[in-house]
Amino acid sequence: MPVGGIKEKCMAAHRNGIKNVILPKKNENDYTDVPEDLRDELSVYFVNNVEEALKLALEDSIDPDFYKNEILTFFRPKL
């Protein structure tokens, strides 16, 4: 599901020292609104679903069964 305010969200992330940003794949075209100098300093990952976002966001050391059983069961009814 696309979200609004991609430019503002990316600018806020950059302003707060965040280098990695996860965005919905459906917002890929909106990313061109982000100033080029900011795009050069951010690593942006476009995902199709929550599972992809969680894989990027969670550390490798976290037990995969934790987010499969605990986190995904929370989000799945909302998908």
PDB file of N, CA and C in Angstrom:
ATOM      1  N   MET A   1       0.847  -1.169   0.000  1.00  0.00           N
ATOM      2  CA  MET A   1       0.000   0.000   0.000  1.00  0.00           C
ATOM      3  C   MET A   1       0.901   1.244   0.000  1.00  0.00           C
ATOM      4  N   PRO A   2       0.682   2.159  -0.911  1.00  0.00           N
ATOM      5  CA  PRO A   2       1.498   3.372  -0.938  1.00  0.00           C
ATOM      6  C   PRO A   2       1.185   4.286   0.245  1.00  0.00           C
ATOM      7  N   VAL A   3       2.160   5.089   0.601  1.00  0.00           N
ATOM      8  CA  VAL A   3       1.987   6.069   1.673  1.00  0.00           C
ATOM      9  C   VAL A   3       2.262   7.458   1.105  1.00  0.00           C
ATOM     10  N   GLY A   4       1.824   8.468   1.792  1.00  0.00           N
ATOM     11  CA  GLY A   4       2.038   9.841   1.348  1.00  0.00           C
ATOM     12  C   GLY A   4       3.252  10.468   2.001  1.00  0.00           C
ATOM     13  N   GLY A   5       3.683  11.587   1.442  1.00  0.00           N
ATOM     14  CA  GLY A   5       4.751  12.370   2.044  1.00  0.00           C
ATOM     15  C   GLY A   5       6.133  11.742   1.968  1.00  0.00           C
ATOM     16  N   ILE A   6       6.435  11.063   0.863  1.00  0.00           N
ATOM     17  CA  ILE A   6       7.730  10.386   0.730  1.00  0.00           C
ATOM     18  C   ILE A   6       8.885  11.378   0.844  1.00  0.00           C
ATOM     19  N   LYS A   7       8.771  12.506   0.149  1.00  0.00           N
ATOM     20  CA  LYS A   7       9.834  13.514   0.192  1.00  0.00           C
ATOM     21  C   LYS A   7      10.073  13.975   1.633  1.00  0.00           C
ATOM     22  N   GLU A   8       9.007  14.289   2.334  1.00  0.00           N
ATOM     23  CA  GLU A   8       9.119  14.783   3.704  1.00  0.00           C
ATOM     24  C   GLU A   8       9.666  13.715   4.649  1.00  0.00           C
ATOM     25  N   LYS A   9       9.224  12.472   4.458  1.00  0.00           N
ATOM     26  CA  LYS A   9       9.703  11.374   5.304  1.00  0.00           C
ATOM     27  C   LYS A   9      11.201  11.141   5.094  1.00  0.00           C
ATOM     28  N   CYS A  10      11.633  11.193   3.845  1.00  0.00           N
ATOM     29  CA  CYS A  10      13.063  10.998   3.551  1.00  0.00           C
ATOM     30  C   CYS A  10      13.892  12.160   4.084  1.00  0.00           C
ATOM     31  N   MET A  11      13.376  13.377   3.959  1.00  0.00           N
ATOM     32  CA  MET A  11      14.095  14.542   4.485  1.00  0.00           C
ATOM     33  C   MET A  11      14.211  14.461   6.010  1.00  0.00           C
ATOM     34  N   ALA A  12      13.146  14.026   6.677  1.00  0.00           N
ATOM     35  CA  ALA A  12      13.175  13.885   8.131  1.00  0.00           C
ATOM     36  C   ALA A  12      14.153  12.788   8.552  1.00  0.00           C
ATOM     37  N   ALA A  13      14.175  11.693   7.817  1.00  0.00           N
ATOM     38  CA  ALA A  13      15.119  10.615   8.122  1.00  0.00           C
ATOM     39  C   ALA A  13      16.543  11.124   8.002  1.00  0.00           C
ATOM     40  N   HIS A  14      16.836  11.807   6.926  1.00  0.00           N
ATOM     41  CA  HIS A  14      18.191  12.349   6.699  1.00  0.00           C
ATOM     42  C   HIS A  14      18.570  13.338   7.791  1.00  0.00           C
ATOM     43  N   ARG A  15      17.644  14.216   8.129  1.00  0.00           N
ATOM     44  CA  ARG A  15      17.877  15.234   9.164  1.00  0.00           C
ATOM     45  C   ARG A  15      18.205  14.588  10.512  1.00  0.00           C
ATOM     46  N   ASN A  16      17.664  13.389  10.757  1.00  0.00           N
ATOM     47  CA  ASN A  16      17.886  12.691  12.021  1.00  0.00           C
ATOM     48  C   ASN A  16      18.977  11.631  11.939  1.00  0.00           C
ATOM     49  N   GLY A  17      19.752  11.656  10.857  1.00  0.00           N
ATOM     50  CA  GLY A  17      20.903  10.763  10.748  1.00  0.00           C
ATOM     51  C   GLY A  17      20.583   9.347  10.297  1.00  0.00           C
ATOM     52  N   ILE A  18      19.378   9.116   9.817  1.00  0.00           N
ATOM     53  CA  ILE A  18      19.008   7.792   9.341  1.00  0.00           C
ATOM     54  C   ILE A  18      19.476   7.647   7.905  1.00  0.00           C
ATOM     55  N   LYS A  19      20.202   6.576   7.628  1.00  0.00           N
ATOM     56  CA  LYS A  19      20.778   6.366   6.295  1.00  0.00           C
ATOM     57  C   LYS A  19      20.007   5.341   5.469  1.00  0.00           C
ATOM     58  N   ASN A  20      19.292   4.428   6.129  1.00  0.00           N
ATOM     59  CA  ASN A  20      18.558   3.366   5.443  1.00  0.00           C
ATOM     60  C   ASN A  20      17.064   3.603   5.598  1.00  0.00           C
ATOM     61  N   VAL A  21      16.365   3.589   4.462  1.00  0.00           N
ATOM     62  CA  VAL A  21      14.936   3.857   4.461  1.00  0.00           C
ATOM     63  C   VAL A  21      14.232   2.722   3.719  1.00  0.00           C
ATOM     64  N   ILE A  22      13.133   2.249   4.283  1.00  0.00           N
ATOM     65  CA  ILE A  22      12.327   1.204   3.660  1.00  0.00           C
ATOM     66  C   ILE A  22      11.005   1.841   3.235  1.00  0.00           C
ATOM     67  N   LEU A  23      10.695   1.700   1.945  1.00  0.00           N
ATOM     68  CA  LEU A  23       9.472   2.284   1.400  1.00  0.00           C
ATOM     69  C   LEU A  23       8.680   1.239   0.618  1.00  0.00           C
ATOM     70  N   PRO A  24       7.368   1.446   0.499  1.00  0.00           N
ATOM     71  CA  PRO A  24       6.578   0.538  -0.329  1.00  0.00           C
ATOM     72  C   PRO A  24       6.981   0.648  -1.803  1.00  0.00           C
ATOM     73  N   LYS A  25       6.972  -0.479  -2.484  1.00  0.00           N
ATOM     74  CA  LYS A  25       7.309  -0.518  -3.912  1.00  0.00           C
ATOM     75  C   LYS A  25       6.396   0.418  -4.712  1.00  0.00           C
ATOM     76  N   LYS A  26       5.159   0.560  -4.280  1.00  0.00           N
ATOM     77  CA  LYS A  26       4.209   1.414  -4.988  1.00  0.00           C
ATOM     78  C   LYS A  26       4.553   2.894  -4.889  1.00  0.00           C
ATOM     79  N   ASN A  27       5.515   3.265  -4.050  1.00  0.00           N
ATOM     80  CA  ASN A  27       5.963   4.649  -3.930  1.00  0.00           C
ATOM     81  C   ASN A  27       7.259   4.914  -4.692  1.00  0.00           C
ATOM     82  N   GLU A  28       7.693   3.962  -5.492  1.00  0.00           N
ATOM     83  CA  GLU A  28       8.968   4.111  -6.193  1.00  0.00           C
ATOM     84  C   GLU A  28       8.990   5.373  -7.066  1.00  0.00           C
ATOM     85  N   ASN A  29       7.907   5.671  -7.745  1.00  0.00           N
ATOM     86  CA  ASN A  29       7.857   6.878  -8.584  1.00  0.00           C
ATOM     87  C   ASN A  29       7.904   8.157  -7.762  1.00  0.00           C
ATOM     88  N   ASP A  30       7.347   8.132  -6.546  1.00  0.00           N
ATOM     89  CA  ASP A  30       7.348   9.312  -5.682  1.00  0.00           C
ATOM     90  C   ASP A  30       8.744   9.657  -5.187  1.00  0.00           C
ATOM     91  N   TYR A  31       9.632   8.668  -5.186  1.00  0.00           N
ATOM     92  CA  TYR A  31      10.990   8.888  -4.684  1.00  0.00           C
ATOM     93  C   TYR A  31      11.748   9.893  -5.550  1.00  0.00           C
ATOM     94  N   THR A  32      11.331  10.072  -6.789  1.00  0.00           N
ATOM     95  CA  THR A  32      11.998  11.052  -7.651  1.00  0.00           C
ATOM     96  C   THR A  32      11.767  12.478  -7.162  1.00  0.00           C
ATOM     97  N   ASP A  33      10.772  12.696  -6.300  1.00  0.00           N
ATOM     98  CA  ASP A  33      10.529  14.024  -5.722  1.00  0.00           C
ATOM     99  C   ASP A  33      11.563  14.388  -4.667  1.00  0.00           C
ATOM    100  N   VAL A  34      12.282  13.404  -4.155  1.00  0.00           N
ATOM    101  CA  VAL A  34      13.314  13.644  -3.142  1.00  0.00           C
ATOM    102  C   VAL A  34      14.513  14.296  -3.841  1.00  0.00           C
ATOM    103  N   PRO A  35      15.040  15.383  -3.298  1.00  0.00           N
ATOM    104  CA  PRO A  35      16.183  16.042  -3.930  1.00  0.00           C
ATOM    105  C   PRO A  35      17.345  15.065  -4.170  1.00  0.00           C
ATOM    106  N   GLU A  36      18.016  15.248  -5.302  1.00  0.00           N
ATOM    107  CA  GLU A  36      19.068  14.323  -5.721  1.00  0.00           C
ATOM    108  C   GLU A  36      20.192  14.221  -4.696  1.00  0.00           C
ATOM    109  N   ASP A  37      20.588  15.342  -4.083  1.00  0.00           N
ATOM    110  CA  ASP A  37      21.671  15.282  -3.096  1.00  0.00           C
ATOM    111  C   ASP A  37      21.289  14.420  -1.901  1.00  0.00           C
ATOM    112  N   LEU A  38      20.018  14.428  -1.535  1.00  0.00           N
ATOM    113  CA  LEU A  38      19.533  13.568  -0.445  1.00  0.00           C
ATOM    114  C   LEU A  38      19.520  12.107  -0.886  1.00  0.00           C
ATOM    115  N   ARG A  39      19.057  11.851  -2.111  1.00  0.00           N
ATOM    116  CA  ARG A  39      19.013  10.481  -2.635  1.00  0.00           C
ATOM    117  C   ARG A  39      20.409   9.867  -2.658  1.00  0.00           C
ATOM    118  N   ASP A  40      21.424  10.690  -2.917  1.00  0.00           N
ATOM    119  CA  ASP A  40      22.798  10.190  -2.947  1.00  0.00           C
ATOM    120  C   ASP A  40      23.281   9.734  -1.568  1.00  0.00           C
ATOM    121  N   GLU A  41      22.679  10.272  -0.521  1.00  0.00           N
ATOM    122  CA  GLU A  41      23.124   9.963   0.836  1.00  0.00           C
ATOM    123  C   GLU A  41      22.267   8.911   1.536  1.00  0.00           C
ATOM    124  N   LEU A  42      21.168   8.499   0.908  1.00  0.00           N
ATOM    125  CA  LEU A  42      20.278   7.514   1.508  1.00  0.00           C
ATOM    126  C   LEU A  42      20.378   6.184   0.770  1.00  0.00           C
ATOM    127  N   SER A  43      20.212   5.115   1.508  1.00  0.00           N
ATOM    128  CA  SER A  43      20.039   3.793   0.916  1.00  0.00           C
ATOM    129  C   SER A  43      18.564   3.455   1.069  1.00  0.00           C
ATOM    130  N   VAL A  44      17.873   3.360  -0.053  1.00  0.00           N
ATOM    131  CA  VAL A  44      16.430   3.140  -0.021  1.00  0.00           C
ATOM    132  C   VAL A  44      16.117   1.748  -0.547  1.00  0.00           C
ATOM    133  N   TYR A  45      15.269   1.056   0.170  1.00  0.00           N
ATOM    134  CA  TYR A  45      14.850  -0.296  -0.190  1.00  0.00           C
ATOM    135  C   TYR A  45      13.344  -0.273  -0.418  1.00  0.00           C
ATOM    136  N   PHE A  46      12.913  -0.702  -1.582  1.00  0.00           N
ATOM    137  CA  PHE A  46      11.492  -0.761  -1.904  1.00  0.00           C
ATOM    138  C   PHE A  46      11.001  -2.191  -1.698  1.00  0.00           C
ATOM    139  N   VAL A  47       9.930  -2.329  -0.935  1.00  0.00           N
ATOM    140  CA  VAL A  47       9.422  -3.657  -0.587  1.00  0.00           C
ATOM    141  C   VAL A  47       7.978  -3.817  -1.050  1.00  0.00           C
ATOM    142  N   ASN A  48       7.605  -5.068  -1.288  1.00  0.00           N
ATOM    143  CA  ASN A  48       6.252  -5.387  -1.732  1.00  0.00           C
ATOM    144  C   ASN A  48       5.317  -5.747  -0.588  1.00  0.00           C
ATOM    145  N   ASN A  49       5.888  -6.151   0.556  1.00  0.00           N
ATOM    146  CA  ASN A  49       5.034  -6.578   1.667  1.00  0.00           C
ATOM    147  C   ASN A  49       5.771  -6.406   2.997  1.00  0.00           C
ATOM    148  N   VAL A  50       5.022  -6.601   4.057  1.00  0.00           N
ATOM    149  CA  VAL A  50       5.561  -6.423   5.407  1.00  0.00           C
ATOM    150  C   VAL A  50       6.689  -7.419   5.683  1.00  0.00           C
ATOM    151  N   GLU A  51       6.568  -8.628   5.175  1.00  0.00           N
ATOM    152  CA  GLU A  51       7.591  -9.641   5.419  1.00  0.00           C
ATOM    153  C   GLU A  51       8.955  -9.184   4.887  1.00  0.00           C
ATOM    154  N   GLU A  52       8.973  -8.577   3.700  1.00  0.00           N
ATOM    155  CA  GLU A  52      10.222  -8.066   3.142  1.00  0.00           C
ATOM    156  C   GLU A  52      10.771  -6.933   4.006  1.00  0.00           C
ATOM    157  N   ALA A  53       9.880  -6.069   4.483  1.00  0.00           N
ATOM    158  CA  ALA A  53      10.307  -4.958   5.331  1.00  0.00           C
ATOM    159  C   ALA A  53      10.916  -5.471   6.635  1.00  0.00           C
ATOM    160  N   LEU A  54      10.286  -6.479   7.225  1.00  0.00           N
ATOM    161  CA  LEU A  54      10.798  -7.033   8.473  1.00  0.00           C
ATOM    162  C   LEU A  54      12.170  -7.674   8.281  1.00  0.00           C
ATOM    163  N   LYS A  55      12.358  -8.365   7.164  1.00  0.00           N
ATOM    164  CA  LYS A  55      13.660  -8.977   6.903  1.00  0.00           C
ATOM    165  C   LYS A  55      14.747  -7.916   6.826  1.00  0.00           C
ATOM    166  N   LEU A  56      14.431  -6.772   6.244  1.00  0.00           N
ATOM    167  CA  LEU A  56      15.409  -5.691   6.156  1.00  0.00           C
ATOM    168  C   LEU A  56      15.602  -4.986   7.499  1.00  0.00           C
ATOM    169  N   ALA A  57      14.514  -4.818   8.223  1.00  0.00           N
ATOM    170  CA  ALA A  57      14.561  -4.013   9.442  1.00  0.00           C
ATOM    171  C   ALA A  57      15.119  -4.746  10.653  1.00  0.00           C
ATOM    172  N   LEU A  58      14.873  -6.045  10.726  1.00  0.00           N
ATOM    173  CA  LEU A  58      15.303  -6.787  11.904  1.00  0.00           C
ATOM    174  C   LEU A  58      16.718  -7.310  11.720  1.00  0.00           C
ATOM    175  N   GLU A  59      17.431  -7.335  12.799  1.00  0.00           N
ATOM    176  CA  GLU A  59      18.801  -7.842  12.762  1.00  0.00           C
ATOM    177  C   GLU A  59      18.815  -9.336  12.471  1.00  0.00           C
ATOM    178  N   ASP A  60      19.909  -9.781  11.836  1.00  0.00           N
ATOM    179  CA  ASP A  60      20.056 -11.201  11.520  1.00  0.00           C
ATOM    180  C   ASP A  60      20.080 -12.077  12.767  1.00  0.00           C
ATOM    181  N   SER A  61      20.512 -11.515  13.884  1.00  0.00           N
ATOM    182  CA  SER A  61      20.654 -12.314  15.090  1.00  0.00           C
ATOM    183  C   SER A  61      19.314 -12.639  15.755  1.00  0.00           C
ATOM    184  N   ILE A  62      18.251 -12.005  15.313  1.00  0.00           N
ATOM    185  CA  ILE A  62      16.943 -12.278  15.892  1.00  0.00           C
ATOM    186  C   ILE A  62      16.434 -13.613  15.360  1.00  0.00           C
ATOM    187  N   ASP A  63      15.891 -14.406  16.244  1.00  0.00           N
ATOM    188  CA  ASP A  63      15.353 -15.720  15.885  1.00  0.00           C
ATOM    189  C   ASP A  63      14.262 -15.551  14.829  1.00  0.00           C
ATOM    190  N   PRO A  64      14.421 -16.169  13.646  1.00  0.00           N
ATOM    191  CA  PRO A  64      13.421 -16.001  12.582  1.00  0.00           C
ATOM    192  C   PRO A  64      12.030 -16.474  12.984  1.00  0.00           C
ATOM    193  N   ASP A  65      11.951 -17.442  13.892  1.00  0.00           N
ATOM    194  CA  ASP A  65      10.638 -17.900  14.348  1.00  0.00           C
ATOM    195  C   ASP A  65       9.918 -16.820  15.155  1.00  0.00           C
ATOM    196  N   PHE A  66      10.692 -15.925  15.760  1.00  0.00           N
ATOM    197  CA  PHE A  66      10.079 -14.848  16.532  1.00  0.00           C
ATOM    198  C   PHE A  66       9.229 -13.972  15.629  1.00  0.00           C
ATOM    199  N   TYR A  67       9.806 -13.493  14.537  1.00  0.00           N
ATOM    200  CA  TYR A  67       8.989 -12.606  13.721  1.00  0.00           C
ATOM    201  C   TYR A  67       8.012 -13.357  12.843  1.00  0.00           C
ATOM    202  N   LYS A  68       8.257 -14.620  12.588  1.00  0.00           N
ATOM    203  CA  LYS A  68       7.278 -15.403  11.832  1.00  0.00           C
ATOM    204  C   LYS A  68       6.052 -15.674  12.715  1.00  0.00           C
ATOM    205  N   ASN A  69       6.278 -16.052  13.963  1.00  0.00           N
ATOM    206  CA  ASN A  69       5.173 -16.424  14.844  1.00  0.00           C
ATOM    207  C   ASN A  69       4.583 -15.251  15.610  1.00  0.00           C
ATOM    208  N   GLU A  70       5.419 -14.321  16.020  1.00  0.00           N
ATOM    209  CA  GLU A  70       4.945 -13.226  16.860  1.00  0.00           C
ATOM    210  C   GLU A  70       4.556 -11.991  16.037  1.00  0.00           C
ATOM    211  N   ILE A  71       5.459 -11.511  15.230  1.00  0.00           N
ATOM    212  CA  ILE A  71       5.229 -10.262  14.506  1.00  0.00           C
ATOM    213  C   ILE A  71       4.247 -10.455  13.351  1.00  0.00           C
ATOM    214  N   LEU A  72       4.491 -11.468  12.522  1.00  0.00           N
ATOM    215  CA  LEU A  72       3.642 -11.643  11.351  1.00  0.00           C
ATOM    216  C   LEU A  72       2.208 -11.990  11.708  1.00  0.00           C
ATOM    217  N   THR A  73       2.011 -12.711  12.810  1.00  0.00           N
ATOM    218  CA  THR A  73       0.635 -13.012  13.198  1.00  0.00           C
ATOM    219  C   THR A  73      -0.091 -11.736  13.604  1.00  0.00           C
ATOM    220  N   PHE A  74       0.647 -10.747  14.077  1.00  0.00           N
ATOM    221  CA  PHE A  74       0.052  -9.451  14.417  1.00  0.00           C
ATOM    222  C   PHE A  74      -0.361  -8.710  13.145  1.00  0.00           C
ATOM    223  N   PHE A  75       0.492  -8.709  12.122  1.00  0.00           N
ATOM    224  CA  PHE A  75       0.222  -7.951  10.901  1.00  0.00           C
ATOM    225  C   PHE A  75      -0.683  -8.681   9.918  1.00  0.00           C
ATOM    226  N   ARG A  76      -0.599  -9.992   9.852  1.00  0.00           N
ATOM    227  CA  ARG A  76      -1.316 -10.741   8.821  1.00  0.00           C
ATOM    228  C   ARG A  76      -2.808 -10.407   8.757  1.00  0.00           C
ATOM    229  N   PRO A  77      -3.551 -10.319   9.887  1.00  0.00           N
ATOM    230  CA  PRO A  77      -4.974  -9.981   9.775  1.00  0.00           C
ATOM    231  C   PRO A  77      -5.210  -8.606   9.147  1.00  0.00           C
ATOM    232  N   LYS A  78      -4.238  -7.723   9.237  1.00  0.00           N
ATOM    233  CA  LYS A  78      -4.391  -6.378   8.713  1.00  0.00           C
ATOM    234  C   LYS A  78      -4.057  -6.310   7.230  1.00  0.00           C
ATOM    235  N   LEU A  79      -3.409  -7.348   6.697  1.00  0.00           N
ATOM    236  CA  LEU A  79      -3.015  -7.327   5.283  1.00  0.00           C
ATOM    237  C   LEU A  79      -4.168  -7.610   4.435  1.00  0.00           C
TER     238      LEU A  79
END
